[in-house]
Amino acid sequence: MTRPPVHPFAARPVVGVALIVGVVLTALSGRYGYHRDELYFMVAGRHLSWGYIDQPPLTPLIARISTTIFGDTVMGLRVLSTLSSVATVIVIALLAREFGSARRGQMLAAICAAVSGFVLGVGHMVSTATYDLLAWMLIGLFAVKLLRTGDGRWWLALGLTAGIALENKYLVVLPVGALLVSLLIVGPRSVLRSWWLLAGVAVAGVIALPNVLWQFQHDWPQLTVAGGISEDDGTENRIMFIPLQILQLSPFLAPIWVAGFLRLWRQLQWARSVALAYPVLCVAVLAVGGKSYYALPLLLVLVAAGCEPTLRWIDRHRVLAVIGLVLTALTSAVFTLPVLPASAVDFVIPVNKEQGEQIGWPAFVASVASAWGQIPPAERPTSTIFTGNYGEAGALRRYGPSHGLPTAYSGHMSFADWERPPDTNTGPVLLVELQRTPAFEAHFQNCKQVGTVDAIVSNDEDGTALVLCERPAEPWSTLWPKLRQFY
């Protein structure tokens, strides 16, 4: 059944809030440096493919497009990420509009999105989560339009968005699956009895097919990666799930999304399935040991729904509302944006470790260069730098040439597929190890530590061992399969 029409879109104030977010992100985009994942994406963007060991192709493609158009710098890389976050803020306001909000409610939704830690955090840098968030918000918008109007043609928009999102990250199956389960439980089931649903599924399948075929041809490596992550981090992810759900969005926004859930469940019964989708999604994420942020986008949908009851509270408590807004903006900025001195970032790393992963890469490469300098010049043409992870390899690809370093190799993720050292590299091997591992070093002869990375923050690279070995124990072509790491 068709619901009452929505209020006009408050374009001017909503777009104004979104543009402020864009200005803030742009102003701060180059302050620290590349994130380890960004260093990986830039190399992946130079090896374009329909798939990679740990991800579909969209984010590396976007990284290449952004640096090609806007410059091969930290700021240039992040332009499209910033624009994605601007669009996300607008879509969240449109969601509030679908839930019955007029001008004030839409503007409040945009402001809540603009000061939320998750939106700012993923908008600050290039990550799969950046574009995943926009896709989830669009899926939420189209799903709510479908439920509000009963017009099955919205399944096509859902399918198109889900298909594109699947070329970025497979997590999009979680909100779609949670919504379908919720529709089966609380309805309205009538939207499922439509040929448009099958058409939407077909559209999504056609768009996602190239990457699915790539995964099939390579024995589904993404499942291996996901399984390893769940095995290594699953317990910690489950323990921290609820605290991080609150902290990563912002504790000050919790009353709003709680109000949104209650409003959808009690008052907007046509949208009850949207409310139920969040706990269903949480159960699924906990079951697989996924990270807390996997469920965060649906909290933003609930925030959009909670703006109307929040407005009534604001009218009675204006001073408290202003204080809450300021505290939300300040805490979100401190924990997700590069506003602190780099030396003070240890304060926020326990809540948001991604801050530390953007600091110290040039110094890291300088440390590696110092260790490389201990190899006699005559032996360097046949020597090799081998790193333990893609962030290290990406950093050495980025900053190594200015230090006269050769191409760095890694067996981590898709680096293992792109290049390996030639068998003619029979000379010394400089290993970059997060921690020394005898079983790993057994692949090389006469290894000794010649340096240590001393980072200014407690990131993953702090304390990394630089180990110099005389030579590989076997030809690189024989050794290479033994050095592959899927996670």
Protein backbone atom coordinates (compact mmCIF):
# COMPACT_ATOMS: atom_id res chain seq x y z
CA MET A 1 0.00 0.00 0.00
CA THR A 2 1.32 3.47 -0.90
CA ARG A 3 2.23 5.61 2.09
CA PRO A 4 1.74 9.40 2.45
CA PRO A 5 4.09 11.53 0.32
CA VAL A 6 7.34 12.77 1.81
CA HIS A 7 8.27 16.34 2.63
CA PRO A 8 10.33 18.39 0.12
CA PHE A 9 14.05 17.77 0.23
CA ALA A 10 15.87 20.42 2.27
CA ALA A 11 18.58 20.72 -0.34
CA ARG A 12 20.27 23.96 0.72
CA PRO A 13 20.96 23.20 4.42
CA VAL A 14 21.70 19.52 3.82
CA VAL A 15 24.13 20.16 0.97
CA GLY A 16 25.66 22.94 3.04
CA VAL A 17 26.41 20.54 5.90
CA ALA A 18 27.80 17.98 3.45
CA LEU A 19 30.09 20.55 1.85
CA ILE A 20 31.44 21.55 5.27
CA VAL A 21 32.38 17.90 5.79
CA GLY A 22 34.11 17.95 2.41
CA VAL A 23 36.07 21.09 3.29
CA VAL A 24 37.20 19.66 6.66
CA LEU A 25 38.28 16.35 5.14
CA THR A 26 40.13 18.10 2.34
CA ALA A 27 41.93 20.46 4.72
CA LEU A 28 43.15 17.54 6.86
CA SER A 29 43.67 14.93 4.13
CA GLY A 30 47.43 15.36 3.84
CA ARG A 31 48.35 15.97 7.46
CA TYR A 32 49.73 12.57 8.53
CA GLY A 33 50.39 10.43 5.47
CA TYR A 34 49.30 7.33 3.61
CA HIS A 35 47.54 4.53 5.45
CA ARG A 36 49.06 1.08 4.92
CA ASP A 37 45.97 0.01 2.97
CA GLU A 38 46.26 3.04 0.69
CA LEU A 39 49.85 2.10 -0.13
CA TYR A 40 48.55 -1.33 -1.10
CA PHE A 41 45.66 0.06 -3.15
CA MET A 42 47.99 2.27 -5.16
CA VAL A 43 50.14 -0.71 -6.15
CA ALA A 44 47.01 -2.78 -6.86
CA GLY A 45 45.76 0.05 -9.06
CA ARG A 46 48.84 -0.44 -11.23
CA HIS A 47 47.93 -4.13 -11.57
CA LEU A 48 44.28 -3.76 -12.54
CA SER A 49 42.38 -7.02 -12.53
CA TRP A 50 38.86 -8.32 -12.02
CA GLY A 51 39.91 -9.51 -8.60
CA TYR A 52 42.58 -9.71 -5.95
CA ILE A 53 43.35 -12.23 -3.24
CA ASP A 54 41.63 -10.20 -0.54
CA GLN A 55 39.17 -7.93 -2.37
CA PRO A 56 37.22 -7.16 -5.52
CA PRO A 57 38.62 -4.55 -7.92
CA LEU A 58 36.68 -1.32 -7.31
CA THR A 59 38.73 0.40 -4.59
CA PRO A 60 42.11 -0.06 -6.36
CA LEU A 61 40.47 1.24 -9.54
CA ILE A 62 39.14 4.30 -7.71
CA ALA A 63 42.59 4.89 -6.19
CA ARG A 64 44.14 4.88 -9.65
CA ILE A 65 41.48 7.19 -11.08
CA SER A 66 41.82 9.65 -8.20
CA THR A 67 45.62 9.88 -8.41
CA THR A 68 45.50 10.14 -12.20
CA ILE A 69 43.05 13.05 -12.14
CA PHE A 70 43.97 14.86 -8.93
CA GLY A 71 47.66 14.06 -8.54
CA ASP A 72 49.81 11.27 -7.17
CA THR A 73 49.84 12.64 -3.62
CA VAL A 74 48.08 11.84 -0.36
CA MET A 75 45.56 14.62 -1.00
CA GLY A 76 45.04 13.62 -4.63
CA LEU A 77 44.45 10.01 -3.65
CA ARG A 78 41.74 10.98 -1.17
CA VAL A 79 39.62 13.35 -3.29
CA LEU A 80 37.10 10.73 -4.41
CA SER A 81 36.94 9.36 -0.88
CA THR A 82 36.00 12.83 0.35
CA LEU A 83 33.34 13.18 -2.33
CA SER A 84 31.95 9.78 -1.34
CA SER A 85 31.55 10.99 2.25
CA VAL A 86 29.84 14.18 1.09
CA ALA A 87 27.36 12.02 -0.82
CA THR A 88 26.90 9.77 2.23
CA VAL A 89 25.82 12.71 4.39
CA ILE A 90 23.24 13.72 1.76
CA VAL A 91 21.87 10.18 1.48
CA ILE A 92 21.42 9.93 5.26
CA ALA A 93 19.37 13.14 5.16
CA LEU A 94 17.29 11.63 2.34
CA LEU A 95 16.69 8.61 4.55
CA ALA A 96 15.34 10.88 7.29
CA ARG A 97 13.05 12.42 4.67
CA GLU A 98 11.69 8.97 3.79
CA PHE A 99 10.94 8.44 7.48
CA GLY A 100 8.81 11.57 7.53
CA SER A 101 11.27 14.30 8.46
CA ALA A 102 10.77 17.80 7.14
CA ARG A 103 13.48 20.46 6.80
CA ARG A 104 14.66 20.45 10.44
CA GLY A 105 14.74 16.67 10.70
CA GLN A 106 16.68 16.29 7.45
CA MET A 107 19.19 18.88 8.55
CA LEU A 108 19.60 17.16 11.92
CA ALA A 109 20.23 13.85 10.14
CA ALA A 110 22.91 15.49 8.00
CA ILE A 111 24.54 17.04 11.08
CA CYS A 112 24.52 13.71 12.96
CA ALA A 113 26.18 12.04 9.98
CA ALA A 114 28.68 14.87 9.68
CA VAL A 115 29.87 14.57 13.28
CA SER A 116 29.76 10.78 13.57
CA GLY A 117 33.13 9.14 14.06
CA PHE A 118 32.52 6.41 11.52
CA VAL A 119 31.59 8.75 8.65
CA LEU A 120 34.58 11.01 9.34
CA GLY A 121 36.97 8.11 9.87
CA VAL A 122 36.25 6.27 6.64
CA GLY A 123 35.92 9.53 4.73
CA HIS A 124 39.37 10.72 5.73
CA MET A 125 41.18 8.03 3.77
CA VAL A 126 40.73 5.55 0.95
CA SER A 127 39.40 2.21 2.12
CA THR A 128 36.92 -0.38 0.95
CA ALA A 129 34.75 0.72 3.90
CA THR A 130 34.58 4.26 2.47
CA TYR A 131 32.69 3.25 -0.64
CA ASP A 132 30.95 0.39 1.13
CA LEU A 133 29.33 2.90 3.49
CA LEU A 134 27.91 4.95 0.62
CA ALA A 135 26.61 1.77 -1.01
CA TRP A 136 24.96 0.60 2.23
CA MET A 137 23.30 4.00 2.66
CA LEU A 138 21.97 3.89 -0.89
CA ILE A 139 20.70 0.34 -0.37
CA GLY A 140 19.01 1.52 2.83
CA LEU A 141 17.44 4.46 0.99
CA PHE A 142 16.12 2.31 -1.85
CA ALA A 143 14.87 -0.35 0.57
CA VAL A 144 12.95 2.25 2.58
CA LYS A 145 11.49 3.70 -0.64
CA LEU A 146 10.42 0.19 -1.61
CA LEU A 147 8.69 -0.36 1.72
CA ARG A 148 7.11 3.09 1.84
CA THR A 149 5.70 3.05 -1.70
CA GLY A 150 5.27 -0.66 -2.35
CA ASP A 151 6.69 0.00 -5.84
CA GLY A 152 8.65 -3.12 -6.79
CA ARG A 153 10.74 -1.22 -9.32
CA TRP A 154 12.97 -0.09 -6.46
CA TRP A 155 14.33 -3.64 -6.49
CA LEU A 156 16.18 -2.66 -9.68
CA ALA A 157 17.91 0.23 -7.92
CA LEU A 158 18.73 -2.11 -5.04
CA GLY A 159 20.16 -4.69 -7.41
CA LEU A 160 22.23 -2.14 -9.32
CA THR A 161 23.72 -0.72 -6.12
CA ALA A 162 24.35 -4.14 -4.60
CA GLY A 163 26.05 -5.33 -7.79
CA ILE A 164 28.42 -2.37 -7.85
CA ALA A 165 29.04 -2.79 -4.11
CA LEU A 166 29.94 -6.44 -4.67
CA GLU A 167 32.74 -5.25 -6.95
CA ASN A 168 34.07 -3.35 -3.92
CA LYS A 169 33.45 -5.62 -0.93
CA TYR A 170 31.41 -8.77 -0.32
CA LEU A 171 30.05 -7.45 2.97
CA VAL A 172 27.10 -5.96 1.12
CA VAL A 173 25.44 -9.38 1.22
CA LEU A 174 25.05 -8.91 4.99
CA PRO A 175 22.64 -5.94 5.06
CA VAL A 176 20.71 -7.26 2.07
CA GLY A 177 20.45 -10.67 3.71
CA ALA A 178 19.46 -9.13 7.05
CA LEU A 179 16.71 -7.11 5.36
CA LEU A 180 15.34 -10.16 3.53
CA VAL A 181 15.29 -12.19 6.75
CA SER A 182 13.53 -9.32 8.53
CA LEU A 183 10.96 -9.02 5.77
CA LEU A 184 10.18 -12.72 6.11
CA ILE A 185 9.75 -12.33 9.87
CA VAL A 186 7.76 -9.09 10.20
CA GLY A 187 6.85 -8.14 6.62
CA PRO A 188 5.53 -6.56 4.58
CA ARG A 189 6.03 -9.79 2.62
CA SER A 190 4.11 -8.41 -0.35
CA VAL A 191 7.27 -6.71 -1.65
CA LEU A 192 8.86 -10.14 -1.97
CA ARG A 193 6.11 -11.34 -4.32
CA SER A 194 7.34 -9.35 -7.27
CA TRP A 195 9.09 -10.14 -10.51
CA TRP A 196 11.08 -6.94 -9.92
CA LEU A 197 12.90 -8.75 -7.09
CA LEU A 198 14.17 -11.35 -9.56
CA ALA A 199 15.13 -8.59 -11.97
CA GLY A 200 17.11 -6.85 -9.22
CA VAL A 201 18.89 -10.08 -8.34
CA ALA A 202 19.73 -10.59 -12.01
CA VAL A 203 21.16 -7.07 -12.35
CA ALA A 204 23.31 -7.56 -9.24
CA GLY A 205 24.50 -10.93 -10.51
CA VAL A 206 25.51 -9.63 -13.94
CA ILE A 207 27.52 -6.76 -12.46
CA ALA A 208 29.23 -8.96 -9.86
CA LEU A 209 29.88 -11.86 -12.28
CA PRO A 210 33.39 -10.87 -13.50
CA ASN A 211 34.79 -10.88 -9.98
CA VAL A 212 32.93 -14.05 -9.03
CA LEU A 213 34.46 -15.78 -12.05
CA TRP A 214 37.90 -14.49 -11.04
CA GLN A 215 37.46 -15.90 -7.54
CA PHE A 216 36.29 -19.23 -8.99
CA GLN A 217 39.28 -19.42 -11.32
CA HIS A 218 41.64 -18.77 -8.41
CA ASP A 219 40.05 -21.24 -5.96
CA TRP A 220 38.13 -18.65 -3.91
CA PRO A 221 41.09 -17.04 -2.11
CA GLN A 222 38.80 -14.46 -0.49
CA LEU A 223 37.23 -17.25 1.57
CA THR A 224 40.68 -18.27 2.76
CA VAL A 225 41.44 -14.68 3.76
CA ALA A 226 38.11 -14.27 5.58
CA GLY A 227 38.55 -17.57 7.39
CA GLY A 228 42.01 -16.63 8.57
CA ILE A 229 40.89 -13.24 9.83
CA SER A 230 38.00 -14.80 11.70
CA GLU A 231 40.26 -17.44 13.24
CA ASP A 232 42.89 -14.91 14.32
CA ASP A 233 40.66 -12.05 15.46
CA GLY A 234 37.21 -13.58 15.93
CA THR A 235 37.29 -13.80 19.72
CA GLU A 236 38.54 -10.25 20.18
CA ASN A 237 36.00 -8.98 17.63
CA ARG A 238 33.14 -10.60 19.56
CA ILE A 239 34.31 -9.22 22.91
CA MET A 240 34.70 -5.68 21.58
CA PHE A 241 31.63 -5.71 19.32
CA ILE A 242 29.19 -3.80 21.54
CA PRO A 243 31.69 -1.27 22.99
CA LEU A 244 33.04 -0.43 19.54
CA GLN A 245 29.53 -0.13 18.07
CA ILE A 246 28.97 2.69 20.52
CA LEU A 247 32.43 4.27 20.42
CA GLN A 248 33.08 4.18 16.68
CA LEU A 249 29.84 5.94 15.76
CA SER A 250 29.83 8.19 18.87
CA PRO A 251 28.38 7.56 22.33
CA PHE A 252 26.47 10.84 22.05
CA LEU A 253 24.53 9.50 19.06
CA ALA A 254 23.40 6.34 20.88
CA PRO A 255 20.16 7.90 22.23
CA ILE A 256 19.23 8.97 18.71
CA TRP A 257 19.61 5.57 17.09
CA VAL A 258 17.84 3.92 20.03
CA ALA A 259 14.97 6.37 19.51
CA GLY A 260 15.06 5.54 15.82
CA PHE A 261 14.77 1.83 16.46
CA LEU A 262 11.83 2.33 18.83
CA ARG A 263 10.12 4.70 16.42
CA LEU A 264 10.37 2.27 13.50
CA TRP A 265 9.19 -0.62 15.64
CA ARG A 266 6.29 1.13 17.39
CA GLN A 267 5.10 3.88 15.06
CA LEU A 268 6.20 3.19 11.46
CA GLN A 269 5.11 -0.40 11.23
CA TRP A 270 5.65 -0.47 7.46
CA ALA A 271 9.38 -0.04 8.29
CA ARG A 272 9.62 -2.55 11.14
CA SER A 273 11.80 -4.80 9.02
CA VAL A 274 14.38 -1.98 8.77
CA ALA A 275 14.59 -1.86 12.56
CA LEU A 276 14.82 -5.65 12.89
CA ALA A 277 17.54 -5.80 10.22
CA TYR A 278 20.05 -4.27 12.63
CA PRO A 279 19.91 -6.95 15.37
CA VAL A 280 19.74 -9.64 12.67
CA LEU A 281 22.89 -8.21 11.12
CA CYS A 282 24.60 -8.06 14.53
CA VAL A 283 23.88 -11.73 15.12
CA ALA A 284 25.36 -12.62 11.71
CA VAL A 285 28.51 -10.55 12.30
CA LEU A 286 29.02 -12.05 15.76
CA ALA A 287 28.52 -15.55 14.37
CA VAL A 288 31.29 -15.17 11.81
CA GLY A 289 33.60 -13.23 14.14
CA GLY A 290 33.49 -10.15 11.92
CA LYS A 291 34.65 -6.68 12.87
CA SER A 292 32.36 -4.31 14.71
CA TYR A 293 32.21 -1.77 11.91
CA TYR A 294 30.51 -4.35 9.65
CA ALA A 295 27.20 -3.46 11.32
CA LEU A 296 27.73 0.27 11.84
CA PRO A 297 26.09 1.50 8.62
CA LEU A 298 22.67 0.26 9.71
CA LEU A 299 23.04 2.31 12.89
CA LEU A 300 23.16 5.38 10.65
CA VAL A 301 19.83 4.33 9.14
CA LEU A 302 18.43 4.19 12.67
CA VAL A 303 19.93 7.62 13.40
CA ALA A 304 18.01 8.98 10.40
CA ALA A 305 14.82 7.46 11.78
CA GLY A 306 15.46 8.89 15.24
CA CYS A 307 15.73 12.53 14.18
CA GLU A 308 12.02 13.34 14.60
CA PRO A 309 11.73 12.32 18.27
CA THR A 310 15.14 13.92 18.89
CA LEU A 311 13.85 17.25 17.56
CA ARG A 312 11.15 17.25 20.18
CA TRP A 313 13.76 16.65 22.87
CA ILE A 314 15.97 19.40 21.44
CA ASP A 315 13.10 21.89 21.61
CA ARG A 316 12.96 21.31 25.38
CA HIS A 317 16.73 21.06 26.01
CA ARG A 318 18.48 23.40 23.60
CA VAL A 319 21.55 24.02 25.75
CA LEU A 320 22.13 20.32 26.35
CA ALA A 321 21.69 19.68 22.63
CA VAL A 322 24.35 22.25 21.73
CA ILE A 323 26.73 20.80 24.33
CA GLY A 324 26.11 17.28 22.98
CA LEU A 325 26.75 18.41 19.40
CA VAL A 326 30.01 20.10 20.31
CA LEU A 327 31.22 17.11 22.34
CA THR A 328 30.30 14.73 19.53
CA ALA A 329 32.14 16.78 16.93
CA LEU A 330 35.22 17.19 19.14
CA THR A 331 35.52 13.56 20.20
CA SER A 332 34.88 12.28 16.68
CA ALA A 333 37.51 14.61 15.25
CA VAL A 334 40.11 13.68 17.88
CA PHE A 335 39.62 9.94 17.45
CA THR A 336 39.22 9.76 13.65
CA LEU A 337 40.92 12.77 12.05
CA PRO A 338 44.58 13.89 12.09
CA VAL A 339 44.07 16.78 14.49
CA LEU A 340 46.51 15.69 17.22
CA PRO A 341 50.29 15.98 16.93
CA ALA A 342 51.62 12.73 15.51
CA SER A 343 53.52 12.07 18.73
CA ALA A 344 50.23 12.11 20.70
CA VAL A 345 48.34 9.59 18.57
CA ASP A 346 49.02 6.73 21.00
CA PHE A 347 46.15 8.25 23.00
CA VAL A 348 43.59 7.30 20.33
CA ILE A 349 45.10 4.09 18.92
CA PRO A 350 43.28 1.79 21.42
CA VAL A 351 39.97 2.99 19.94
CA ASN A 352 41.06 3.69 16.36
CA LYS A 353 44.30 1.99 15.36
CA GLU A 354 43.96 3.34 11.81
CA GLN A 355 45.33 6.68 13.03
CA GLY A 356 48.68 5.08 13.82
CA GLU A 357 48.82 3.29 10.48
CA GLN A 358 49.16 6.67 8.71
CA ILE A 359 52.26 7.80 10.60
CA GLY A 360 55.92 7.06 10.05
CA TRP A 361 56.19 5.38 6.66
CA PRO A 362 58.96 7.66 5.31
CA ALA A 363 60.97 7.05 8.50
CA PHE A 364 60.28 3.32 8.18
CA VAL A 365 61.73 3.33 4.67
CA ALA A 366 64.73 5.32 5.88
CA SER A 367 65.41 2.60 8.48
CA VAL A 368 65.23 -0.08 5.79
CA ALA A 369 67.59 1.95 3.62
CA SER A 370 70.07 2.14 6.49
CA ALA A 371 70.01 -1.65 6.84
CA TRP A 372 70.32 -2.05 3.06
CA GLY A 373 73.45 0.11 3.21
CA GLN A 374 75.20 -2.67 5.15
CA ILE A 375 75.20 -4.85 2.02
CA PRO A 376 78.44 -4.39 0.05
CA PRO A 377 77.75 -2.39 -3.14
CA ALA A 378 79.09 -5.17 -5.35
CA GLU A 379 76.47 -7.58 -3.97
CA ARG A 380 73.44 -5.29 -4.20
CA PRO A 381 72.51 -6.08 -7.85
CA THR A 382 71.69 -9.67 -6.81
CA SER A 383 70.25 -8.79 -3.40
CA THR A 384 66.57 -8.71 -2.39
CA ILE A 385 64.29 -6.88 0.02
CA PHE A 386 61.48 -9.09 1.27
CA THR A 387 58.76 -7.67 3.51
CA GLY A 388 56.28 -9.31 5.84
CA ASN A 389 53.15 -7.43 4.78
CA TYR A 390 51.63 -5.36 2.01
CA GLY A 391 51.89 -2.07 3.92
CA GLU A 392 55.67 -2.41 4.19
CA ALA A 393 56.00 -3.44 0.56
CA GLY A 394 53.76 -0.58 -0.54
CA ALA A 395 55.74 1.96 1.49
CA LEU A 396 59.02 0.75 0.00
CA ARG A 397 57.54 0.94 -3.49
CA ARG A 398 56.43 4.51 -2.75
CA TYR A 399 59.43 5.95 -0.91
CA GLY A 400 62.21 3.45 -1.69
CA PRO A 401 63.40 4.91 -5.01
CA SER A 402 64.38 8.20 -3.34
CA HIS A 403 66.75 6.15 -1.13
CA GLY A 404 68.14 4.17 -4.05
CA LEU A 405 66.36 0.99 -2.94
CA PRO A 406 65.40 -1.75 -5.41
CA THR A 407 61.89 -3.16 -5.84
CA ALA A 408 60.63 -4.63 -2.57
CA TYR A 409 58.79 -7.96 -2.68
CA SER A 410 56.26 -9.60 -0.39
CA GLY A 411 54.33 -12.85 -0.23
CA HIS A 412 51.41 -11.09 1.47
CA MET A 413 47.99 -10.94 -0.24
CA SER A 414 48.13 -10.06 -3.93
CA PHE A 415 51.78 -8.96 -3.80
CA ALA A 416 52.56 -12.66 -4.06
CA ASP A 417 50.89 -12.77 -7.49
CA TRP A 418 52.23 -9.57 -8.99
CA GLU A 419 55.97 -10.14 -8.83
CA ARG A 420 58.61 -12.37 -7.29
CA PRO A 421 62.39 -11.98 -7.19
CA PRO A 422 64.21 -13.49 -10.18
CA ASP A 423 66.22 -16.64 -9.58
CA THR A 424 69.30 -14.63 -10.47
CA ASN A 425 68.91 -12.87 -7.10
CA THR A 426 71.22 -15.25 -5.28
CA GLY A 427 72.80 -12.65 -3.04
CA PRO A 428 71.87 -11.26 0.41
CA VAL A 429 68.24 -10.95 1.49
CA LEU A 430 67.04 -8.16 3.76
CA LEU A 431 64.00 -9.41 5.67
CA VAL A 432 61.53 -6.95 7.16
CA GLU A 433 59.82 -8.86 10.00
CA LEU A 434 57.27 -7.59 12.51
CA GLN A 435 58.88 -10.07 14.86
CA ARG A 436 61.63 -12.57 14.26
CA THR A 437 60.33 -16.02 13.37
CA PRO A 438 62.84 -18.90 13.21
CA ALA A 439 60.59 -21.04 11.00
CA PHE A 440 60.37 -18.23 8.48
CA GLU A 441 64.07 -17.40 8.61
CA ALA A 442 64.87 -21.07 7.93
CA HIS A 443 64.14 -20.34 4.26
CA PHE A 444 67.31 -18.23 4.22
CA GLN A 445 70.92 -18.77 5.30
CA ASN A 446 72.89 -17.20 8.16
CA CYS A 447 70.44 -14.53 9.26
CA LYS A 448 71.28 -11.81 11.76
CA GLN A 449 69.40 -8.73 12.91
CA VAL A 450 71.01 -5.51 11.70
CA GLY A 451 68.41 -2.95 12.72
CA THR A 452 65.07 -2.17 14.34
CA VAL A 453 62.31 0.19 13.29
CA ASP A 454 61.64 2.72 16.04
CA ALA A 455 58.26 4.30 15.25
CA ILE A 456 57.08 7.42 17.06
CA VAL A 457 53.70 5.76 17.72
CA SER A 458 52.65 2.28 18.77
CA ASN A 459 51.61 1.07 15.34
CA ASP A 460 52.22 -2.36 13.86
CA GLU A 461 55.64 -1.41 12.50
CA ASP A 462 57.04 -0.20 15.82
CA GLY A 463 59.86 -2.59 16.77
CA THR A 464 59.98 -4.30 13.36
CA ALA A 465 63.18 -6.35 12.99
CA LEU A 466 65.46 -5.77 10.01
CA VAL A 467 67.23 -9.07 9.43
CA LEU A 468 70.03 -9.57 6.91
CA CYS A 469 70.58 -13.08 5.51
CA GLU A 470 73.42 -14.27 3.26
CA ARG A 471 71.22 -15.81 0.58
CA PRO A 472 67.93 -17.67 -0.03
CA ALA A 473 68.13 -21.38 0.79
CA GLU A 474 66.49 -22.28 -2.52
CA PRO A 475 65.84 -20.56 -5.87
CA TRP A 476 63.12 -17.95 -5.51
CA SER A 477 60.85 -19.82 -7.93
CA THR A 478 60.95 -22.84 -5.61
CA LEU A 479 60.74 -20.79 -2.45
CA TRP A 480 57.94 -18.46 -3.51
CA PRO A 481 54.90 -20.72 -2.87
CA LYS A 482 56.18 -21.34 0.66
CA LEU A 483 56.26 -17.61 1.40
CA ARG A 484 52.66 -16.80 0.44
CA GLN A 485 50.47 -15.29 3.18
CA PHE A 486 46.70 -15.01 2.79
CA TYR A 487 46.14 -12.90 5.92
